[in-house]
Amino acid sequence: MLTALGLLYSFLFFVLAVFCWVFSFLGMPALWLLVLFAVLNSWLIPESYLVHVPWRGVFVLIVLGLCGELVEFLAGALGVGKLGGSRRAAVLSLVGSFLGAIVGIFVSIPIPIPLLGALVSSLLFSGLGAMGGAWLGEYWFGKDTKTGLKVGLAAFVGRIVGTIGKSIFGAVMVGVVLVLVFS
């Protein structure tokens, strides 16, 4: 059944998917929030409604979310682990990355496109936070500054690559939601 309310719901669901994708840049589990909304949609909305997300669509979103998480995890783990970084460096890298992303929102790079400056600076500061956290973890572990900076740089690159990889899967998830709720 296609009604004005159904179209409004489809539009709101799509906007929610876009917001989830944007929040994934902050290191939050927002893509899984998108999957949760799709599960609730599939469970609560009758199949006869046009805005119903079928279970096969939910399955596709879950697979894409898992792939995005795998890319992000592997990039980060390879970044710190390849240079022999400690577990403490890896944990502090995650904490620093999250805090850096939050700071990046408020210290926006002046890009004339709305929201893009905040996203770019959030990504950049997330990487810098990961770098600082990894360096601190190595320094705290008793390693010299040079080793800490190498591990920190690897954490920076791993965080940037992982976030970009995960965001690509998130963009595909948004496209899947667009097709599911408007077709």
N, C-alpha and C. Protein backbone atom coordinates (compact mmCIF):
# COMPACT_ATOMS: atom_id res chain seq x y z
N MET A 1 0.85 -1.17 0.00
CA MET A 1 0.00 0.00 0.00
C MET A 1 0.89 1.23 0.00
N LEU A 2 0.71 2.07 -0.98
CA LEU A 2 1.48 3.30 -1.07
C LEU A 2 0.58 4.46 -0.70
N THR A 3 0.92 5.10 0.38
CA THR A 3 0.16 6.26 0.84
C THR A 3 1.15 7.39 1.11
N ALA A 4 0.60 8.55 1.42
CA ALA A 4 1.46 9.68 1.75
C ALA A 4 2.27 9.36 3.01
N LEU A 5 1.63 8.68 3.95
CA LEU A 5 2.34 8.29 5.17
C LEU A 5 3.44 7.27 4.85
N GLY A 6 3.18 6.37 3.92
CA GLY A 6 4.18 5.40 3.50
C GLY A 6 5.37 6.06 2.83
N LEU A 7 5.10 7.04 1.99
CA LEU A 7 6.19 7.78 1.35
C LEU A 7 7.01 8.56 2.38
N LEU A 8 6.31 9.16 3.35
CA LEU A 8 7.00 9.88 4.41
C LEU A 8 7.88 8.93 5.20
N TYR A 9 7.34 7.76 5.52
CA TYR A 9 8.11 6.77 6.26
C TYR A 9 9.34 6.34 5.45
N SER A 10 9.15 6.09 4.17
CA SER A 10 10.28 5.68 3.32
C SER A 10 11.35 6.76 3.31
N PHE A 11 10.94 8.01 3.17
CA PHE A 11 11.90 9.12 3.17
C PHE A 11 12.62 9.21 4.50
N LEU A 12 11.89 9.10 5.61
CA LEU A 12 12.50 9.19 6.94
C LEU A 12 13.47 8.02 7.18
N PHE A 13 13.10 6.84 6.71
CA PHE A 13 13.98 5.68 6.87
C PHE A 13 15.28 5.89 6.09
N PHE A 14 15.16 6.46 4.90
CA PHE A 14 16.34 6.75 4.09
C PHE A 14 17.22 7.81 4.77
N VAL A 15 16.60 8.87 5.29
CA VAL A 15 17.35 9.91 5.99
C VAL A 15 18.04 9.32 7.22
N LEU A 16 17.36 8.44 7.93
CA LEU A 16 17.95 7.76 9.08
C LEU A 16 19.16 6.94 8.65
N ALA A 17 19.06 6.27 7.53
CA ALA A 17 20.18 5.48 7.01
C ALA A 17 21.37 6.38 6.70
N VAL A 18 21.11 7.55 6.12
CA VAL A 18 22.20 8.49 5.81
C VAL A 18 22.85 8.98 7.11
N PHE A 19 22.04 9.31 8.12
CA PHE A 19 22.60 9.74 9.40
C PHE A 19 23.45 8.65 10.03
N CYS A 20 22.99 7.41 9.96
CA CYS A 20 23.78 6.30 10.49
C CYS A 20 25.12 6.21 9.77
N TRP A 21 25.10 6.37 8.47
CA TRP A 21 26.34 6.33 7.69
C TRP A 21 27.28 7.46 8.12
N VAL A 22 26.74 8.66 8.28
CA VAL A 22 27.56 9.80 8.68
C VAL A 22 28.16 9.57 10.07
N PHE A 23 27.36 9.04 11.00
CA PHE A 23 27.87 8.81 12.35
C PHE A 23 28.90 7.69 12.40
N SER A 24 28.95 6.85 11.38
CA SER A 24 29.97 5.80 11.36
C SER A 24 31.37 6.41 11.22
N PHE A 25 31.47 7.63 10.70
CA PHE A 25 32.76 8.30 10.61
C PHE A 25 33.31 8.63 11.99
N LEU A 26 32.45 8.67 12.99
CA LEU A 26 32.88 9.01 14.34
C LEU A 26 33.34 7.79 15.13
N GLY A 27 33.38 6.65 14.47
CA GLY A 27 33.80 5.44 15.16
C GLY A 27 32.69 4.81 15.97
N MET A 28 31.47 5.25 15.77
CA MET A 28 30.33 4.69 16.48
C MET A 28 29.77 3.51 15.70
N PRO A 29 29.08 2.58 16.38
CA PRO A 29 28.51 1.43 15.68
C PRO A 29 27.21 1.78 14.95
N ALA A 30 27.24 2.85 14.22
CA ALA A 30 26.02 3.36 13.60
C ALA A 30 25.50 2.47 12.46
N LEU A 31 26.39 1.75 11.80
CA LEU A 31 25.91 0.85 10.75
C LEU A 31 25.08 -0.28 11.35
N TRP A 32 25.43 -0.68 12.56
CA TRP A 32 24.62 -1.71 13.24
C TRP A 32 23.29 -1.14 13.72
N LEU A 33 23.27 0.14 14.00
CA LEU A 33 22.00 0.79 14.32
C LEU A 33 21.10 0.77 13.09
N LEU A 34 21.68 0.98 11.92
CA LEU A 34 20.94 0.90 10.67
C LEU A 34 20.37 -0.51 10.48
N VAL A 35 21.17 -1.53 10.78
CA VAL A 35 20.69 -2.91 10.68
C VAL A 35 19.54 -3.13 11.67
N LEU A 36 19.67 -2.59 12.88
CA LEU A 36 18.61 -2.73 13.88
C LEU A 36 17.30 -2.11 13.37
N PHE A 37 17.39 -0.92 12.77
CA PHE A 37 16.19 -0.29 12.23
C PHE A 37 15.58 -1.12 11.10
N ALA A 38 16.42 -1.74 10.30
CA ALA A 38 15.91 -2.60 9.23
C ALA A 38 15.23 -3.84 9.80
N VAL A 39 15.79 -4.40 10.87
CA VAL A 39 15.18 -5.56 11.53
C VAL A 39 13.81 -5.17 12.10
N LEU A 40 13.77 -4.02 12.78
CA LEU A 40 12.49 -3.56 13.34
C LEU A 40 11.46 -3.31 12.23
N ASN A 41 11.91 -2.75 11.12
CA ASN A 41 11.02 -2.52 9.99
C ASN A 41 10.47 -3.85 9.48
N SER A 42 11.35 -4.81 9.30
CA SER A 42 10.94 -6.09 8.76
C SER A 42 9.99 -6.82 9.71
N TRP A 43 10.20 -6.63 10.97
CA TRP A 43 9.40 -7.31 11.98
C TRP A 43 8.05 -6.63 12.20
N LEU A 44 8.02 -5.28 12.19
CA LEU A 44 6.81 -4.55 12.57
C LEU A 44 5.92 -4.13 11.41
N ILE A 45 6.49 -3.92 10.24
CA ILE A 45 5.71 -3.43 9.09
C ILE A 45 5.18 -4.64 8.32
N PRO A 46 3.89 -4.68 8.06
CA PRO A 46 3.34 -5.82 7.30
C PRO A 46 3.95 -5.91 5.90
N GLU A 47 4.06 -7.14 5.39
CA GLU A 47 4.67 -7.37 4.08
C GLU A 47 3.88 -6.72 2.95
N SER A 48 2.61 -6.47 3.17
CA SER A 48 1.78 -5.88 2.11
C SER A 48 2.10 -4.40 1.89
N TYR A 49 2.78 -3.78 2.82
CA TYR A 49 3.14 -2.37 2.67
C TYR A 49 4.37 -2.23 1.79
N LEU A 50 4.39 -1.19 0.99
CA LEU A 50 5.51 -0.95 0.09
C LEU A 50 6.80 -0.65 0.85
N VAL A 51 6.69 -0.06 2.02
CA VAL A 51 7.88 0.34 2.76
C VAL A 51 8.47 -0.79 3.61
N HIS A 52 7.93 -1.99 3.49
CA HIS A 52 8.44 -3.14 4.23
C HIS A 52 9.82 -3.54 3.70
N VAL A 53 10.76 -3.76 4.62
CA VAL A 53 12.08 -4.26 4.25
C VAL A 53 12.05 -5.78 4.41
N PRO A 54 12.24 -6.52 3.34
CA PRO A 54 12.18 -7.98 3.45
C PRO A 54 13.39 -8.52 4.22
N TRP A 55 13.24 -9.73 4.76
CA TRP A 55 14.31 -10.31 5.55
C TRP A 55 15.57 -10.54 4.73
N ARG A 56 15.42 -10.79 3.43
CA ARG A 56 16.62 -10.96 2.60
C ARG A 56 17.39 -9.64 2.51
N GLY A 57 16.67 -8.52 2.55
CA GLY A 57 17.33 -7.21 2.59
C GLY A 57 18.08 -6.99 3.90
N VAL A 58 17.48 -7.44 5.00
CA VAL A 58 18.14 -7.36 6.30
C VAL A 58 19.42 -8.21 6.28
N PHE A 59 19.33 -9.39 5.68
CA PHE A 59 20.50 -10.26 5.58
C PHE A 59 21.62 -9.59 4.78
N VAL A 60 21.26 -8.94 3.68
CA VAL A 60 22.25 -8.23 2.87
C VAL A 60 22.91 -7.12 3.69
N LEU A 61 22.11 -6.39 4.46
CA LEU A 61 22.66 -5.32 5.31
C LEU A 61 23.60 -5.88 6.38
N ILE A 62 23.25 -7.02 6.94
CA ILE A 62 24.10 -7.65 7.95
C ILE A 62 25.44 -8.06 7.33
N VAL A 63 25.39 -8.67 6.15
CA VAL A 63 26.63 -9.10 5.48
C VAL A 63 27.50 -7.88 5.15
N LEU A 64 26.89 -6.82 4.65
CA LEU A 64 27.65 -5.61 4.34
C LEU A 64 28.24 -4.98 5.60
N GLY A 65 27.47 -4.97 6.68
CA GLY A 65 27.98 -4.44 7.95
C GLY A 65 29.16 -5.26 8.47
N LEU A 66 29.06 -6.58 8.36
CA LEU A 66 30.17 -7.44 8.78
C LEU A 66 31.42 -7.20 7.94
N CYS A 67 31.22 -7.03 6.64
CA CYS A 67 32.36 -6.75 5.75
C CYS A 67 33.02 -5.41 6.11
N GLY A 68 32.20 -4.41 6.39
CA GLY A 68 32.74 -3.11 6.80
C GLY A 68 33.52 -3.19 8.09
N GLU A 69 32.99 -3.93 9.06
CA GLU A 69 33.69 -4.10 10.34
C GLU A 69 35.00 -4.86 10.14
N LEU A 70 34.97 -5.87 9.28
CA LEU A 70 36.17 -6.66 9.02
C LEU A 70 37.27 -5.79 8.40
N VAL A 71 36.89 -4.96 7.44
CA VAL A 71 37.87 -4.07 6.81
C VAL A 71 38.44 -3.10 7.84
N GLU A 72 37.57 -2.52 8.66
CA GLU A 72 38.05 -1.57 9.66
C GLU A 72 38.96 -2.25 10.68
N PHE A 73 38.57 -3.44 11.13
CA PHE A 73 39.37 -4.16 12.11
C PHE A 73 40.73 -4.57 11.55
N LEU A 74 40.72 -5.13 10.34
CA LEU A 74 41.98 -5.57 9.74
C LEU A 74 42.93 -4.41 9.49
N ALA A 75 42.40 -3.29 9.03
CA ALA A 75 43.25 -2.12 8.77
C ALA A 75 43.88 -1.63 10.07
N GLY A 76 43.08 -1.56 11.12
CA GLY A 76 43.62 -1.10 12.41
C GLY A 76 44.59 -2.10 13.02
N ALA A 77 44.24 -3.38 12.96
CA ALA A 77 45.10 -4.41 13.55
C ALA A 77 46.41 -4.52 12.79
N LEU A 78 46.34 -4.46 11.48
CA LEU A 78 47.57 -4.53 10.70
C LEU A 78 48.42 -3.29 10.91
N GLY A 79 47.75 -2.15 11.13
CA GLY A 79 48.49 -0.91 11.35
C GLY A 79 49.35 -0.97 12.59
N VAL A 80 48.78 -1.33 13.72
CA VAL A 80 49.52 -1.35 14.99
C VAL A 80 50.31 -2.65 15.14
N GLY A 81 49.68 -3.76 14.80
CA GLY A 81 50.29 -5.06 15.02
C GLY A 81 51.48 -5.35 14.13
N LYS A 82 51.49 -4.81 12.93
CA LYS A 82 52.58 -5.11 11.99
C LYS A 82 53.92 -4.60 12.50
N LEU A 83 53.90 -3.53 13.25
CA LEU A 83 55.14 -2.98 13.79
C LEU A 83 55.42 -3.44 15.21
N GLY A 84 54.68 -4.44 15.68
CA GLY A 84 54.93 -4.97 17.01
C GLY A 84 54.39 -4.12 18.13
N GLY A 85 53.33 -3.37 17.85
CA GLY A 85 52.73 -2.53 18.89
C GLY A 85 52.10 -3.37 19.99
N SER A 86 52.09 -2.83 21.19
CA SER A 86 51.54 -3.54 22.34
C SER A 86 50.02 -3.49 22.32
N ARG A 87 49.43 -4.35 23.11
CA ARG A 87 47.97 -4.36 23.26
C ARG A 87 47.48 -3.04 23.86
N ARG A 88 48.27 -2.51 24.79
CA ARG A 88 47.93 -1.23 25.40
C ARG A 88 47.90 -0.13 24.35
N ALA A 89 48.86 -0.16 23.41
CA ALA A 89 48.88 0.83 22.33
C ALA A 89 47.63 0.70 21.47
N ALA A 90 47.21 -0.53 21.20
CA ALA A 90 46.02 -0.75 20.38
C ALA A 90 44.77 -0.21 21.08
N VAL A 91 44.65 -0.47 22.37
CA VAL A 91 43.48 0.00 23.13
C VAL A 91 43.48 1.52 23.21
N LEU A 92 44.62 2.11 23.54
CA LEU A 92 44.68 3.57 23.63
C LEU A 92 44.51 4.21 22.26
N SER A 93 44.88 3.51 21.21
CA SER A 93 44.66 3.99 19.86
C SER A 93 43.16 4.11 19.58
N LEU A 94 42.38 3.11 20.02
CA LEU A 94 40.93 3.16 19.84
C LEU A 94 40.31 4.31 20.64
N VAL A 95 40.75 4.46 21.88
CA VAL A 95 40.23 5.54 22.72
C VAL A 95 40.59 6.90 22.12
N GLY A 96 41.84 7.04 21.72
CA GLY A 96 42.28 8.30 21.11
C GLY A 96 41.55 8.59 19.82
N SER A 97 41.27 7.54 19.07
CA SER A 97 40.56 7.71 17.81
C SER A 97 39.15 8.24 18.04
N PHE A 98 38.46 7.68 19.01
CA PHE A 98 37.10 8.12 19.32
C PHE A 98 37.10 9.56 19.82
N LEU A 99 38.01 9.88 20.74
CA LEU A 99 38.09 11.24 21.26
C LEU A 99 38.49 12.23 20.17
N GLY A 100 39.41 11.82 19.30
CA GLY A 100 39.82 12.68 18.20
C GLY A 100 38.69 12.97 17.24
N ALA A 101 37.85 11.96 16.99
CA ALA A 101 36.70 12.16 16.10
C ALA A 101 35.73 13.17 16.69
N ILE A 102 35.51 13.11 17.99
CA ILE A 102 34.62 14.07 18.65
C ILE A 102 35.21 15.47 18.55
N VAL A 103 36.50 15.61 18.83
CA VAL A 103 37.16 16.92 18.72
C VAL A 103 37.08 17.43 17.29
N GLY A 104 37.26 16.53 16.33
CA GLY A 104 37.23 16.90 14.91
C GLY A 104 35.91 17.50 14.47
N ILE A 105 34.83 17.10 15.10
CA ILE A 105 33.53 17.68 14.77
C ILE A 105 33.51 19.17 15.10
N PHE A 106 34.09 19.51 16.25
CA PHE A 106 34.04 20.89 16.72
C PHE A 106 35.14 21.77 16.14
N VAL A 107 36.23 21.16 15.69
CA VAL A 107 37.32 21.90 15.08
C VAL A 107 37.24 21.62 13.58
N SER A 108 36.22 22.11 12.98
CA SER A 108 35.93 21.78 11.59
C SER A 108 36.88 22.50 10.63
N ILE A 109 37.32 21.75 9.63
CA ILE A 109 38.14 22.33 8.57
C ILE A 109 37.21 23.16 7.68
N PRO A 110 37.58 24.39 7.35
CA PRO A 110 36.67 25.24 6.57
C PRO A 110 36.56 24.80 5.11
N ILE A 111 35.64 23.90 4.86
CA ILE A 111 35.30 23.48 3.50
C ILE A 111 33.91 24.03 3.22
N PRO A 112 33.72 24.69 2.09
CA PRO A 112 32.45 25.38 1.85
C PRO A 112 31.23 24.48 1.66
N ILE A 113 31.41 23.19 1.61
CA ILE A 113 30.28 22.26 1.47
C ILE A 113 29.80 21.89 2.88
N PRO A 114 28.53 22.12 3.18
CA PRO A 114 28.03 21.83 4.52
C PRO A 114 28.26 20.36 4.90
N LEU A 115 28.62 20.14 6.12
CA LEU A 115 28.85 18.85 6.74
C LEU A 115 30.15 18.17 6.27
N LEU A 116 30.63 18.46 5.08
CA LEU A 116 31.84 17.82 4.58
C LEU A 116 33.06 18.23 5.40
N GLY A 117 33.14 19.50 5.78
CA GLY A 117 34.27 19.96 6.60
C GLY A 117 34.32 19.23 7.93
N ALA A 118 33.17 19.05 8.56
CA ALA A 118 33.12 18.34 9.84
C ALA A 118 33.50 16.88 9.67
N LEU A 119 33.07 16.26 8.58
CA LEU A 119 33.42 14.85 8.35
C LEU A 119 34.91 14.68 8.08
N VAL A 120 35.48 15.55 7.25
CA VAL A 120 36.91 15.46 6.94
C VAL A 120 37.74 15.71 8.20
N SER A 121 37.39 16.74 8.95
CA SER A 121 38.17 17.01 10.16
C SER A 121 37.95 15.92 11.21
N SER A 122 36.77 15.35 11.26
CA SER A 122 36.53 14.24 12.19
C SER A 122 37.40 13.04 11.82
N LEU A 123 37.50 12.76 10.54
CA LEU A 123 38.34 11.65 10.09
C LEU A 123 39.81 11.93 10.38
N LEU A 124 40.26 13.14 10.08
CA LEU A 124 41.65 13.52 10.32
C LEU A 124 41.99 13.47 11.82
N PHE A 125 41.14 14.06 12.65
CA PHE A 125 41.40 14.07 14.09
C PHE A 125 41.26 12.68 14.69
N SER A 126 40.41 11.85 14.09
CA SER A 126 40.30 10.46 14.53
C SER A 126 41.63 9.74 14.32
N GLY A 127 42.23 9.96 13.16
CA GLY A 127 43.54 9.37 12.89
C GLY A 127 44.62 9.92 13.81
N LEU A 128 44.58 11.23 14.05
CA LEU A 128 45.56 11.85 14.96
C LEU A 128 45.39 11.33 16.39
N GLY A 129 44.14 11.13 16.79
CA GLY A 129 43.88 10.58 18.12
C GLY A 129 44.40 9.15 18.23
N ALA A 130 44.20 8.37 17.16
CA ALA A 130 44.73 7.00 17.14
C ALA A 130 46.25 7.02 17.23
N MET A 131 46.86 7.96 16.52
CA MET A 131 48.32 8.08 16.54
C MET A 131 48.80 8.44 17.95
N GLY A 132 48.16 9.43 18.55
CA GLY A 132 48.54 9.84 19.90
C GLY A 132 48.33 8.74 20.92
N GLY A 133 47.21 8.04 20.81
CA GLY A 133 46.94 6.95 21.74
C GLY A 133 47.94 5.81 21.61
N ALA A 134 48.28 5.45 20.37
CA ALA A 134 49.26 4.38 20.16
C ALA A 134 50.63 4.80 20.68
N TRP A 135 51.01 6.05 20.42
CA TRP A 135 52.30 6.54 20.92
C TRP A 135 52.33 6.49 22.44
N LEU A 136 51.24 6.96 23.07
CA LEU A 136 51.17 6.95 24.53
C LEU A 136 51.24 5.53 25.07
N GLY A 137 50.55 4.60 24.41
CA GLY A 137 50.59 3.21 24.85
C GLY A 137 51.98 2.62 24.77
N GLU A 138 52.70 2.92 23.71
CA GLU A 138 54.07 2.42 23.58
C GLU A 138 55.00 3.10 24.58
N TYR A 139 54.84 4.39 24.76
CA TYR A 139 55.67 5.14 25.72
C TYR A 139 55.43 4.62 27.13
N TRP A 140 54.16 4.39 27.44
CA TRP A 140 53.76 3.87 28.75
C TRP A 140 54.30 2.45 28.94
N PHE A 141 54.40 1.71 27.87
CA PHE A 141 54.91 0.34 27.88
C PHE A 141 56.42 0.32 28.08
N GLY A 142 57.08 1.48 27.95
CA GLY A 142 58.51 1.58 28.18
C GLY A 142 59.35 1.61 26.91
N LYS A 143 58.73 1.73 25.77
CA LYS A 143 59.49 1.78 24.52
C LYS A 143 59.93 3.22 24.24
N ASP A 144 60.92 3.35 23.39
CA ASP A 144 61.45 4.69 23.10
C ASP A 144 60.49 5.48 22.21
N THR A 145 60.74 6.77 22.13
CA THR A 145 59.86 7.67 21.39
C THR A 145 59.80 7.33 19.91
N LYS A 146 60.92 6.96 19.33
CA LYS A 146 60.96 6.63 17.90
C LYS A 146 60.07 5.44 17.59
N THR A 147 60.13 4.40 18.39
CA THR A 147 59.27 3.23 18.19
C THR A 147 57.81 3.62 18.39
N GLY A 148 57.55 4.42 19.40
CA GLY A 148 56.18 4.88 19.65
C GLY A 148 55.62 5.67 18.48
N LEU A 149 56.45 6.53 17.88
CA LEU A 149 55.99 7.31 16.74
C LEU A 149 55.74 6.43 15.52
N LYS A 150 56.57 5.40 15.32
CA LYS A 150 56.34 4.47 14.20
C LYS A 150 55.01 3.74 14.37
N VAL A 151 54.78 3.24 15.57
CA VAL A 151 53.51 2.54 15.84
C VAL A 151 52.35 3.52 15.74
N GLY A 152 52.55 4.74 16.21
CA GLY A 152 51.51 5.77 16.12
C GLY A 152 51.17 6.11 14.68
N LEU A 153 52.18 6.24 13.84
CA LEU A 153 51.94 6.52 12.42
C LEU A 153 51.20 5.37 11.76
N ALA A 154 51.56 4.16 12.12
CA ALA A 154 50.85 2.99 11.58
C ALA A 154 49.39 2.99 12.04
N ALA A 155 49.15 3.39 13.29
CA ALA A 155 47.78 3.47 13.80
C ALA A 155 47.00 4.55 13.05
N PHE A 156 47.66 5.67 12.74
CA PHE A 156 47.02 6.75 11.99
C PHE A 156 46.58 6.25 10.61
N VAL A 157 47.51 5.63 9.89
CA VAL A 157 47.19 5.13 8.55
C VAL A 157 46.13 4.04 8.62
N GLY A 158 46.26 3.13 9.59
CA GLY A 158 45.27 2.07 9.74
C GLY A 158 43.88 2.61 10.02
N ARG A 159 43.81 3.63 10.87
CA ARG A 159 42.50 4.22 11.20
C ARG A 159 41.87 4.90 9.99
N ILE A 160 42.66 5.65 9.24
CA ILE A 160 42.13 6.34 8.06
C ILE A 160 41.66 5.33 7.03
N VAL A 161 42.50 4.35 6.72
CA VAL A 161 42.14 3.33 5.72
C VAL A 161 40.93 2.52 6.18
N GLY A 162 40.92 2.15 7.46
CA GLY A 162 39.79 1.38 7.99
C GLY A 162 38.48 2.14 7.95
N THR A 163 38.53 3.41 8.31
CA THR A 163 37.31 4.23 8.30
C THR A 163 36.81 4.45 6.88
N ILE A 164 37.72 4.70 5.96
CA ILE A 164 37.30 4.88 4.57
C ILE A 164 36.71 3.59 4.02
N GLY A 165 37.35 2.46 4.32
CA GLY A 165 36.82 1.17 3.87
C GLY A 165 35.45 0.88 4.44
N LYS A 166 35.29 1.12 5.73
CA LYS A 166 33.99 0.89 6.38
C LYS A 166 32.94 1.84 5.82
N SER A 167 33.33 3.08 5.55
CA SER A 167 32.35 4.04 5.03
C SER A 167 31.90 3.67 3.61
N ILE A 168 32.77 3.03 2.85
CA ILE A 168 32.36 2.56 1.52
C ILE A 168 31.28 1.50 1.67
N PHE A 169 31.47 0.57 2.59
CA PHE A 169 30.43 -0.43 2.83
C PHE A 169 29.16 0.23 3.38
N GLY A 170 29.33 1.26 4.21
CA GLY A 170 28.17 2.00 4.72
C GLY A 170 27.40 2.70 3.61
N ALA A 171 28.12 3.26 2.64
CA ALA A 171 27.45 3.91 1.50
C ALA A 171 26.67 2.89 0.68
N VAL A 172 27.23 1.70 0.53
CA VAL A 172 26.51 0.64 -0.19
C VAL A 172 25.26 0.25 0.61
N MET A 173 25.38 0.21 1.94
CA MET A 173 24.22 -0.10 2.77
C MET A 173 23.12 0.94 2.60
N VAL A 174 23.50 2.20 2.53
CA VAL A 174 22.52 3.26 2.30
C VAL A 174 21.85 3.07 0.93
N GLY A 175 22.63 2.71 -0.07
CA GLY A 175 22.06 2.43 -1.39
C GLY A 175 21.10 1.26 -1.35
N VAL A 176 21.42 0.22 -0.60
CA VAL A 176 20.52 -0.93 -0.46
C VAL A 176 19.22 -0.49 0.20
N VAL A 177 19.32 0.33 1.25
CA VAL A 177 18.11 0.83 1.92
C VAL A 177 17.28 1.65 0.95
N LEU A 178 17.93 2.47 0.15
CA LEU A 178 17.21 3.29 -0.84
C LEU A 178 16.43 2.41 -1.80
N VAL A 179 17.06 1.37 -2.27
CA VAL A 179 16.38 0.46 -3.20
C VAL A 179 15.25 -0.28 -2.49
N LEU A 180 15.49 -0.72 -1.26
CA LEU A 180 14.50 -1.51 -0.54
C LEU A 180 13.24 -0.71 -0.20
N VAL A 181 13.40 0.53 0.24
CA VAL A 181 12.22 1.26 0.70
C VAL A 181 11.52 2.04 -0.41
N PHE A 182 12.15 2.21 -1.57
CA PHE A 182 11.51 2.96 -2.64
C PHE A 182 11.20 2.11 -3.87
N SER A 183 11.41 0.81 -3.78
CA SER A 183 11.10 0.00 -4.97
C SER A 183 9.89 -0.87 -4.76
